Amino acid sequence: MRKVGLHLLSPGEGHKPKGAHGRAAVHALGRTRTTGNFKRIEAAKGKFAAIHAYQAKLAAHKAGK
């Protein structure tokens, strides 16, 4: 059986965020759309992995990368 990785979308493939948390997260990352990647990470690897991924993305954004 072939191991399939987690399919994450690029920022350009996003959609308008639903709900206050989605809007706040997208705003914090300087975007207008969400990809749903954090929910995908949470479903596959757990809540703390998704939180860590978000915090790493936010830190990179604030550093200007």
Foldseek 3Di string as FASTA:
>chain_A
DDDDDQDFDDLVPFAADDDDVRCVLCVLLVHRGDGCRLVSCCVVPNNVRSVVVSVVSSVCSVVPD
